[in-house]
Every structure is written in structure tokens, then in C-alpha cells.
PDB file of N, CA and C in Angstrom:
ATOM      1  N   UNK A   1      -6.408   6.479   5.168  1.00  0.00           N
ATOM      2  CA  UNK A   1      -6.621   5.179   4.565  1.00  0.00           C
ATOM      3  C   UNK A   1      -5.868   5.107   3.244  1.00  0.00           C
ATOM      4  N   UNK A   2      -6.304   4.235   2.389  1.00  0.00           N
ATOM      5  CA  UNK A   2      -5.593   4.027   1.146  1.00  0.00           C
ATOM      6  C   UNK A   2      -6.568   3.680   0.035  1.00  0.00           C
ATOM      7  N   UNK A   3      -6.055   3.719  -1.188  1.00  0.00           N
ATOM      8  CA  UNK A   3      -6.818   3.278  -2.352  1.00  0.00           C
ATOM      9  C   UNK A   3      -5.952   2.273  -3.111  1.00  0.00           C
ATOM     10  N   UNK A   4      -6.568   1.597  -4.038  1.00  0.00           N
ATOM     11  CA  UNK A   4      -5.849   0.654  -4.885  1.00  0.00           C
ATOM     12  C   UNK A   4      -5.806   1.255  -6.289  1.00  0.00           C
ATOM     13  N   UNK A   5      -4.624   1.264  -6.871  1.00  0.00           N
ATOM     14  CA  UNK A   5      -4.449   1.792  -8.228  1.00  0.00           C
ATOM     15  C   UNK A   5      -3.958   0.676  -9.126  1.00  0.00           C
ATOM     16  N   UNK A   6      -4.611   0.516 -10.289  1.00  0.00           N
ATOM     17  CA  UNK A   6      -4.146  -0.478 -11.253  1.00  0.00           C
ATOM     18  C   UNK A   6      -3.266   0.212 -12.282  1.00  0.00           C
ATOM     19  N   UNK A   7      -2.049  -0.283 -12.432  1.00  0.00           N
ATOM     20  CA  UNK A   7      -1.087   0.298 -13.358  1.00  0.00           C
ATOM     21  C   UNK A   7      -1.604   0.141 -14.783  1.00  0.00           C
ATOM     22  N   UNK A   8      -1.550   1.246 -15.523  1.00  0.00           N
ATOM     23  CA  UNK A   8      -2.011   1.275 -16.912  1.00  0.00           C
ATOM     24  C   UNK A   8      -0.809   1.245 -17.855  1.00  0.00           C
ATOM     25  N   UNK A   9      -1.059   0.899 -19.099  1.00  0.00           N
ATOM     26  CA  UNK A   9      -0.010   0.906 -20.107  1.00  0.00           C
ATOM     27  C   UNK A   9       0.587   2.312 -20.203  1.00  0.00           C
ATOM     28  N   UNK A  10       1.896   2.412 -20.191  1.00  0.00           N
ATOM     29  CA  UNK A  10       2.571   3.703 -20.277  1.00  0.00           C
ATOM     30  C   UNK A  10       2.865   4.338 -18.929  1.00  0.00           C
ATOM     31  N   UNK A  11       2.298   3.802 -17.856  1.00  0.00           N
ATOM     32  CA  UNK A  11       2.563   4.333 -16.516  1.00  0.00           C
ATOM     33  C   UNK A  11       3.991   4.028 -16.092  1.00  0.00           C
ATOM     34  N   UNK A  12       4.563   4.949 -15.352  1.00  0.00           N
ATOM     35  CA  UNK A  12       5.816   4.711 -14.643  1.00  0.00           C
ATOM     36  C   UNK A  12       5.525   4.983 -13.175  1.00  0.00           C
ATOM     37  N   UNK A  13       6.365   4.466 -12.309  1.00  0.00           N
ATOM     38  CA  UNK A  13       6.162   4.717 -10.886  1.00  0.00           C
ATOM     39  C   UNK A  13       6.221   6.214 -10.608  1.00  0.00           C
ATOM     40  N   UNK A  14       7.095   6.903 -11.321  1.00  0.00           N
ATOM     41  CA  UNK A  14       7.245   8.349 -11.131  1.00  0.00           C
ATOM     42  C   UNK A  14       5.961   9.102 -11.508  1.00  0.00           C
ATOM     43  N   UNK A  15       5.369   8.781 -12.669  1.00  0.00           N
ATOM     44  CA  UNK A  15       4.156   9.521 -13.045  1.00  0.00           C
ATOM     45  C   UNK A  15       2.946   9.118 -12.205  1.00  0.00           C
ATOM     46  N   UNK A  16       2.916   7.883 -11.734  1.00  0.00           N
ATOM     47  CA  UNK A  16       1.840   7.471 -10.820  1.00  0.00           C
ATOM     48  C   UNK A  16       1.949   8.266  -9.529  1.00  0.00           C
ATOM     49  N   UNK A  17       3.160   8.355  -8.986  1.00  0.00           N
ATOM     50  CA  UNK A  17       3.385   9.088  -7.741  1.00  0.00           C
ATOM     51  C   UNK A  17       2.977  10.550  -7.893  1.00  0.00           C
ATOM     52  N   UNK A  18       3.383  11.181  -8.989  1.00  0.00           N
ATOM     53  CA  UNK A  18       3.022  12.584  -9.233  1.00  0.00           C
ATOM     54  C   UNK A  18       1.520  12.752  -9.383  1.00  0.00           C
ATOM     55  N   UNK A  19       0.900  11.862 -10.163  1.00  0.00           N
ATOM     56  CA  UNK A  19      -0.544  11.945 -10.417  1.00  0.00           C
ATOM     57  C   UNK A  19      -1.340  11.810  -9.120  1.00  0.00           C
ATOM     58  N   UNK A  20      -0.870  10.954  -8.230  1.00  0.00           N
ATOM     59  CA  UNK A  20      -1.613  10.678  -7.005  1.00  0.00           C
ATOM     60  C   UNK A  20      -1.110  11.468  -5.796  1.00  0.00           C
ATOM     61  N   UNK A  21      -0.059  12.269  -5.996  1.00  0.00           N
ATOM     62  CA  UNK A  21       0.446  13.119  -4.919  1.00  0.00           C
ATOM     63  C   UNK A  21       1.128  12.363  -3.791  1.00  0.00           C
ATOM     64  N   UNK A  22       1.854  11.316  -4.162  1.00  0.00           N
ATOM     65  CA  UNK A  22       2.530  10.474  -3.174  1.00  0.00           C
ATOM     66  C   UNK A  22       4.001  10.366  -3.573  1.00  0.00           C
ATOM     67  N   UNK A  23       4.882  10.251  -2.607  1.00  0.00           N
ATOM     68  CA  UNK A  23       6.294  10.059  -2.906  1.00  0.00           C
ATOM     69  C   UNK A  23       6.562   8.677  -3.476  1.00  0.00           C
ATOM     70  N   UNK A  24       7.498   8.608  -4.423  1.00  0.00           N
ATOM     71  CA  UNK A  24       7.856   7.308  -5.002  1.00  0.00           C
ATOM     72  C   UNK A  24       8.375   6.362  -3.934  1.00  0.00           C
ATOM     73  N   UNK A  25       9.147   6.904  -2.991  1.00  0.00           N
ATOM     74  CA  UNK A  25       9.681   6.053  -1.931  1.00  0.00           C
ATOM     75  C   UNK A  25       8.570   5.449  -1.086  1.00  0.00           C
ATOM     76  N   UNK A  26       7.502   6.207  -0.875  1.00  0.00           N
ATOM     77  CA  UNK A  26       6.354   5.697  -0.108  1.00  0.00           C
ATOM     78  C   UNK A  26       5.681   4.565  -0.882  1.00  0.00           C
ATOM     79  N   UNK A  27       5.466   4.765  -2.181  1.00  0.00           N
ATOM     80  CA  UNK A  27       4.857   3.707  -2.997  1.00  0.00           C
ATOM     81  C   UNK A  27       5.713   2.448  -2.997  1.00  0.00           C
ATOM     82  N   UNK A  28       7.025   2.629  -3.128  1.00  0.00           N
ATOM     83  CA  UNK A  28       7.909   1.465  -3.148  1.00  0.00           C
ATOM     84  C   UNK A  28       7.873   0.720  -1.817  1.00  0.00           C
ATOM     85  N   UNK A  29       7.945   1.459  -0.720  1.00  0.00           N
ATOM     86  CA  UNK A  29       7.938   0.826   0.609  1.00  0.00           C
ATOM     87  C   UNK A  29       6.615   0.132   0.880  1.00  0.00           C
ATOM     88  N   UNK A  30       5.531   0.811   0.611  1.00  0.00           N
ATOM     89  CA  UNK A  30       4.206   0.273   0.915  1.00  0.00           C
ATOM     90  C   UNK A  30       3.876  -0.972   0.105  1.00  0.00           C
ATOM     91  N   UNK A  31       4.409  -1.035  -1.122  1.00  0.00           N
ATOM     92  CA  UNK A  31       4.093  -2.158  -2.002  1.00  0.00           C
ATOM     93  C   UNK A  31       5.208  -3.189  -2.088  1.00  0.00           C
ATOM     94  N   UNK A  32       6.250  -3.018  -1.262  1.00  0.00           N
ATOM     95  CA  UNK A  32       7.336  -3.991  -1.234  1.00  0.00           C
ATOM     96  C   UNK A  32       8.112  -4.060  -2.542  1.00  0.00           C
ATOM     97  N   UNK A  33       8.233  -2.921  -3.243  1.00  0.00           N
ATOM     98  CA  UNK A  33       8.945  -2.903  -4.520  1.00  0.00           C
ATOM     99  C   UNK A  33      10.435  -2.682  -4.284  1.00  0.00           C
ATOM    100  N   UNK A  34      11.260  -3.437  -5.002  1.00  0.00           N
ATOM    101  CA  UNK A  34      12.707  -3.280  -4.910  1.00  0.00           C
ATOM    102  C   UNK A  34      13.261  -2.425  -6.044  1.00  0.00           C
ATOM    103  N   UNK A  35      12.408  -2.156  -7.040  1.00  0.00           N
ATOM    104  CA  UNK A  35      12.816  -1.308  -8.155  1.00  0.00           C
ATOM    105  C   UNK A  35      11.633  -0.427  -8.541  1.00  0.00           C
ATOM    106  N   UNK A  36      11.888   0.506  -9.427  1.00  0.00           N
ATOM    107  CA  UNK A  36      10.838   1.422  -9.866  1.00  0.00           C
ATOM    108  C   UNK A  36      10.031   0.850 -11.022  1.00  0.00           C
ATOM    109  N   UNK A  37      10.295  -0.378 -11.404  1.00  0.00           N
ATOM    110  CA  UNK A  37       9.614  -1.006 -12.527  1.00  0.00           C
ATOM    111  C   UNK A  37       8.210  -1.455 -12.129  1.00  0.00           C
ATOM    112  N   UNK A  38       7.224  -1.004 -12.899  1.00  0.00           N
ATOM    113  CA  UNK A  38       5.847  -1.454 -12.726  1.00  0.00           C
ATOM    114  C   UNK A  38       5.333  -1.941 -14.072  1.00  0.00           C
ATOM    115  N   UNK A  39       4.419  -2.878 -14.025  1.00  0.00           N
ATOM    116  CA  UNK A  39       3.876  -3.477 -15.242  1.00  0.00           C
ATOM    117  C   UNK A  39       2.377  -3.221 -15.327  1.00  0.00           C
ATOM    118  N   UNK A  40       1.858  -3.010 -16.536  1.00  0.00           N
ATOM    119  CA  UNK A  40       0.411  -2.839 -16.680  1.00  0.00           C
ATOM    120  C   UNK A  40      -0.335  -4.009 -16.044  1.00  0.00           C
ATOM    121  N   UNK A  41      -1.395  -3.676 -15.326  1.00  0.00           N
ATOM    122  CA  UNK A  41      -2.196  -4.690 -14.652  1.00  0.00           C
ATOM    123  C   UNK A  41      -1.843  -4.873 -13.189  1.00  0.00           C
ATOM    124  N   UNK A  42      -0.634  -4.428 -12.790  1.00  0.00           N
ATOM    125  CA  UNK A  42      -0.254  -4.519 -11.373  1.00  0.00           C
ATOM    126  C   UNK A  42      -1.180  -3.647 -10.546  1.00  0.00           C
ATOM    127  N   UNK A  43      -1.400  -4.044  -9.317  1.00  0.00           N
ATOM    128  CA  UNK A  43      -2.167  -3.235  -8.377  1.00  0.00           C
ATOM    129  C   UNK A  43      -1.211  -2.663  -7.339  1.00  0.00           C
ATOM    130  N   UNK A  44      -1.361  -1.378  -7.063  1.00  0.00           N
ATOM    131  CA  UNK A  44      -0.545  -0.713  -6.059  1.00  0.00           C
ATOM    132  C   UNK A  44      -1.432  -0.162  -4.958  1.00  0.00           C
ATOM    133  N   UNK A  45      -1.002  -0.331  -3.717  1.00  0.00           N
ATOM    134  CA  UNK A  45      -1.672   0.287  -2.583  1.00  0.00           C
ATOM    135  C   UNK A  45      -1.126   1.710  -2.495  1.00  0.00           C
ATOM    136  N   UNK A  46      -2.050   2.680  -2.450  1.00  0.00           N
ATOM    137  CA  UNK A  46      -1.657   4.090  -2.450  1.00  0.00           C
ATOM    138  C   UNK A  46      -2.315   4.780  -1.261  1.00  0.00           C
ATOM    139  N   UNK A  47      -1.521   5.385  -0.381  1.00  0.00           N
ATOM    140  CA  UNK A  47      -2.126   6.105   0.740  1.00  0.00           C
ATOM    141  C   UNK A  47      -2.860   7.337   0.229  1.00  0.00           C
ATOM    142  N   UNK A  48      -3.980   7.668   0.862  1.00  0.00           N
ATOM    143  CA  UNK A  48      -4.742   8.842   0.454  1.00  0.00           C
ATOM    144  C   UNK A  48      -4.051  10.120   0.892  1.00  0.00           C
ATOM    145  N   UNK A  49      -3.170  10.012   1.858  1.00  0.00           N
ATOM    146  CA  UNK A  49      -2.332  11.134   2.274  1.00  0.00           C
ATOM    147  C   UNK A  49      -0.910  10.627   2.240  1.00  0.00           C
ATOM    148  N   UNK A  50       0.041  11.454   2.515  1.00  0.00           N
ATOM    149  CA  UNK A  50       1.434  11.038   2.488  1.00  0.00           C
ATOM    150  C   UNK A  50       1.838  10.309   3.766  1.00  0.00           C
ATOM    151  N   UNK A  51       0.876   9.784   4.493  1.00  0.00           N
ATOM    152  CA  UNK A  51       1.134   9.046   5.721  1.00  0.00           C
ATOM    153  C   UNK A  51       1.718   7.678   5.389  1.00  0.00           C
ATOM    154  N   UNK A  52       2.762   7.302   6.080  1.00  0.00           N
ATOM    155  CA  UNK A  52       3.360   5.982   5.894  1.00  0.00           C
ATOM    156  C   UNK A  52       2.714   5.029   6.882  1.00  0.00           C
ATOM    157  N   UNK A  53       2.341   3.871   6.394  1.00  0.00           N
ATOM    158  CA  UNK A  53       1.719   2.870   7.240  1.00  0.00           C
ATOM    159  C   UNK A  53       2.772   2.133   8.045  1.00  0.00           C
ATOM    160  N   UNK A  54       2.377   1.650   9.198  1.00  0.00           N
ATOM    161  CA  UNK A  54       3.300   0.820   9.958  1.00  0.00           C
ATOM    162  C   UNK A  54       3.238  -0.604   9.418  1.00  0.00           C
ATOM    163  N   UNK A  55       4.281  -1.344   9.651  1.00  0.00           N
ATOM    164  CA  UNK A  55       4.370  -2.714   9.170  1.00  0.00           C
ATOM    165  C   UNK A  55       4.242  -3.646  10.361  1.00  0.00           C
ATOM    166  N   UNK A  56       3.525  -4.735  10.178  1.00  0.00           N
ATOM    167  CA  UNK A  56       3.379  -5.731  11.227  1.00  0.00           C
ATOM    168  C   UNK A  56       3.660  -7.098  10.616  1.00  0.00           C
ATOM    169  N   UNK A  57       4.488  -7.872  11.251  1.00  0.00           N
ATOM    170  CA  UNK A  57       4.773  -9.227  10.789  1.00  0.00           C
ATOM    171  C   UNK A  57       3.881 -10.185  11.567  1.00  0.00           C
ATOM    172  N   UNK A  58       3.049 -10.894  10.843  1.00  0.00           N
ATOM    173  CA  UNK A  58       2.096 -11.819  11.451  1.00  0.00           C
ATOM    174  C   UNK A  58       2.856 -12.984  12.072  1.00  0.00           C
ATOM    175  N   UNK A  59       2.463 -13.301  13.305  1.00  0.00           N
ATOM    176  CA  UNK A  59       3.084 -14.399  14.036  1.00  0.00           C
ATOM    177  C   UNK A  59       2.099 -15.563  14.163  1.00  0.00           C
ATOM    178  N   UNK A  60       2.621 -16.733  14.375  1.00  0.00           N
ATOM    179  CA  UNK A  60       1.790 -17.914  14.553  1.00  0.00           C
ATOM    180  C   UNK A  60       0.798 -17.648  15.686  1.00  0.00           C
ATOM    181  N   UNK A  61      -0.476 -17.925  15.438  1.00  0.00           N
ATOM    182  CA  UNK A  61      -1.514 -17.726  16.439  1.00  0.00           C
ATOM    183  C   UNK A  61      -2.238 -16.395  16.315  1.00  0.00           C
ATOM    184  N   UNK A  62      -1.686 -15.452  15.527  1.00  0.00           N
ATOM    185  CA  UNK A  62      -2.366 -14.162  15.325  1.00  0.00           C
ATOM    186  C   UNK A  62      -3.648 -14.366  14.528  1.00  0.00           C
ATOM    187  N   UNK A  63      -4.577 -13.439  14.722  1.00  0.00           N
ATOM    188  CA  UNK A  63      -5.749 -13.425  13.870  1.00  0.00           C
ATOM    189  C   UNK A  63      -6.093 -11.974  13.538  1.00  0.00           C
ATOM    190  N   UNK A  64      -6.844 -11.800  12.485  1.00  0.00           N
ATOM    191  CA  UNK A  64      -7.175 -10.459  11.974  1.00  0.00           C
ATOM    192  C   UNK A  64      -7.818  -9.606  13.056  1.00  0.00           C
ATOM    193  N   UNK A  65      -8.763 -10.167  13.782  1.00  0.00           N
ATOM    194  CA  UNK A  65      -9.499  -9.385  14.782  1.00  0.00           C
ATOM    195  C   UNK A  65      -8.554  -8.829  15.850  1.00  0.00           C
ATOM    196  N   UNK A  66      -7.687  -9.660  16.389  1.00  0.00           N
ATOM    197  CA  UNK A  66      -6.770  -9.203  17.448  1.00  0.00           C
ATOM    198  C   UNK A  66      -5.784  -8.154  16.937  1.00  0.00           C
ATOM    199  N   UNK A  67      -5.261  -8.364  15.738  1.00  0.00           N
ATOM    200  CA  UNK A  67      -4.342  -7.376  15.160  1.00  0.00           C
ATOM    201  C   UNK A  67      -5.064  -6.051  14.968  1.00  0.00           C
ATOM    202  N   UNK A  68      -6.280  -6.105  14.438  1.00  0.00           N
ATOM    203  CA  UNK A  68      -7.061  -4.881  14.210  1.00  0.00           C
ATOM    204  C   UNK A  68      -7.327  -4.146  15.515  1.00  0.00           C
ATOM    205  N   UNK A  69      -7.693  -4.861  16.550  1.00  0.00           N
ATOM    206  CA  UNK A  69      -7.964  -4.241  17.845  1.00  0.00           C
ATOM    207  C   UNK A  69      -6.689  -3.585  18.385  1.00  0.00           C
ATOM    208  N   UNK A  70      -5.562  -4.276  18.272  1.00  0.00           N
ATOM    209  CA  UNK A  70      -4.292  -3.734  18.776  1.00  0.00           C
ATOM    210  C   UNK A  70      -3.871  -2.461  18.058  1.00  0.00           C
ATOM    211  N   UNK A  71      -4.248  -2.326  16.793  1.00  0.00           N
ATOM    212  CA  UNK A  71      -3.874  -1.150  16.011  1.00  0.00           C
ATOM    213  C   UNK A  71      -5.039  -0.177  15.815  1.00  0.00           C
ATOM    214  N   UNK A  72      -6.127  -0.428  16.523  1.00  0.00           N
ATOM    215  CA  UNK A  72      -7.301   0.454  16.453  1.00  0.00           C
ATOM    216  C   UNK A  72      -7.783   0.635  15.011  1.00  0.00           C
ATOM    217  N   UNK A  73      -7.901  -0.476  14.310  1.00  0.00           N
ATOM    218  CA  UNK A  73      -8.328  -0.488  12.911  1.00  0.00           C
ATOM    219  C   UNK A  73      -9.543  -1.401  12.796  1.00  0.00           C
ATOM    220  N   UNK A  74     -10.455  -1.045  11.913  1.00  0.00           N
ATOM    221  CA  UNK A  74     -11.590  -1.909  11.623  1.00  0.00           C
ATOM    222  C   UNK A  74     -11.064  -3.179  10.939  1.00  0.00           C
ATOM    223  N   UNK A  75     -11.426  -4.362  11.427  1.00  0.00           N
ATOM    224  CA  UNK A  75     -10.918  -5.596  10.810  1.00  0.00           C
ATOM    225  C   UNK A  75     -11.169  -5.679   9.303  1.00  0.00           C
ATOM    226  N   UNK A  76     -12.301  -5.166   8.829  1.00  0.00           N
ATOM    227  CA  UNK A  76     -12.588  -5.188   7.390  1.00  0.00           C
ATOM    228  C   UNK A  76     -11.593  -4.326   6.621  1.00  0.00           C
ATOM    229  N   UNK A  77     -11.193  -3.190   7.202  1.00  0.00           N
ATOM    230  CA  UNK A  77     -10.200  -2.333   6.556  1.00  0.00           C
ATOM    231  C   UNK A  77      -8.827  -3.013   6.547  1.00  0.00           C
ATOM    232  N   UNK A  78      -8.494  -3.705   7.622  1.00  0.00           N
ATOM    233  CA  UNK A  78      -7.220  -4.399   7.694  1.00  0.00           C
ATOM    234  C   UNK A  78      -7.142  -5.488   6.625  1.00  0.00           C
ATOM    235  N   UNK A  79      -8.226  -6.186   6.401  1.00  0.00           N
ATOM    236  CA  UNK A  79      -8.257  -7.234   5.401  1.00  0.00           C
ATOM    237  C   UNK A  79      -7.995  -6.658   4.010  1.00  0.00           C
ATOM    238  N   UNK A  80      -8.538  -5.472   3.740  1.00  0.00           N
ATOM    239  CA  UNK A  80      -8.311  -4.831   2.439  1.00  0.00           C
ATOM    240  C   UNK A  80      -6.841  -4.542   2.253  1.00  0.00           C
TER     241      UNK A  80
END
């Protein structure tokens, strides 16, 4: 699963990655970042392990329940 981390003053993506034991590239990909710049107050999704999540593009007519069932995920977790 994952946790949410709020960027603190003085944080860099590099020190966040080291502190949480995650690769910077994973943090950038998971959070849709195009640069290593982070700002205090930002929220980052951080995997609890170095597992990379799959990406799904929502299509017209999709709903949370069906997507969750297709990916064997609890709908409440998917919403988070």
C-alpha cells in the first residue's frame, strides 16, 4: 500500500526519498512530477515498499467499484 507524506520546509525530493526508503524516480512517477522540485505543504503519495503502482486511465462510464474489482483492490483504498 502507500502513505501520504506532507512536504516540510527544507525538504528536498532526494532527502524525502532517502528518509522513506523509496527511489526518487518512483516518487516522481507516482506523483506525476516532471521535476525534483517540491514545495512545503505539498502532499506526496509514497509506497510503503519499493513497489511501483500500475497506472489506469479512467474511461467514460467507469466507476470506482468496477475498477477496484478488476484490480483486486478494496474500493475505499482505491479512493485514497
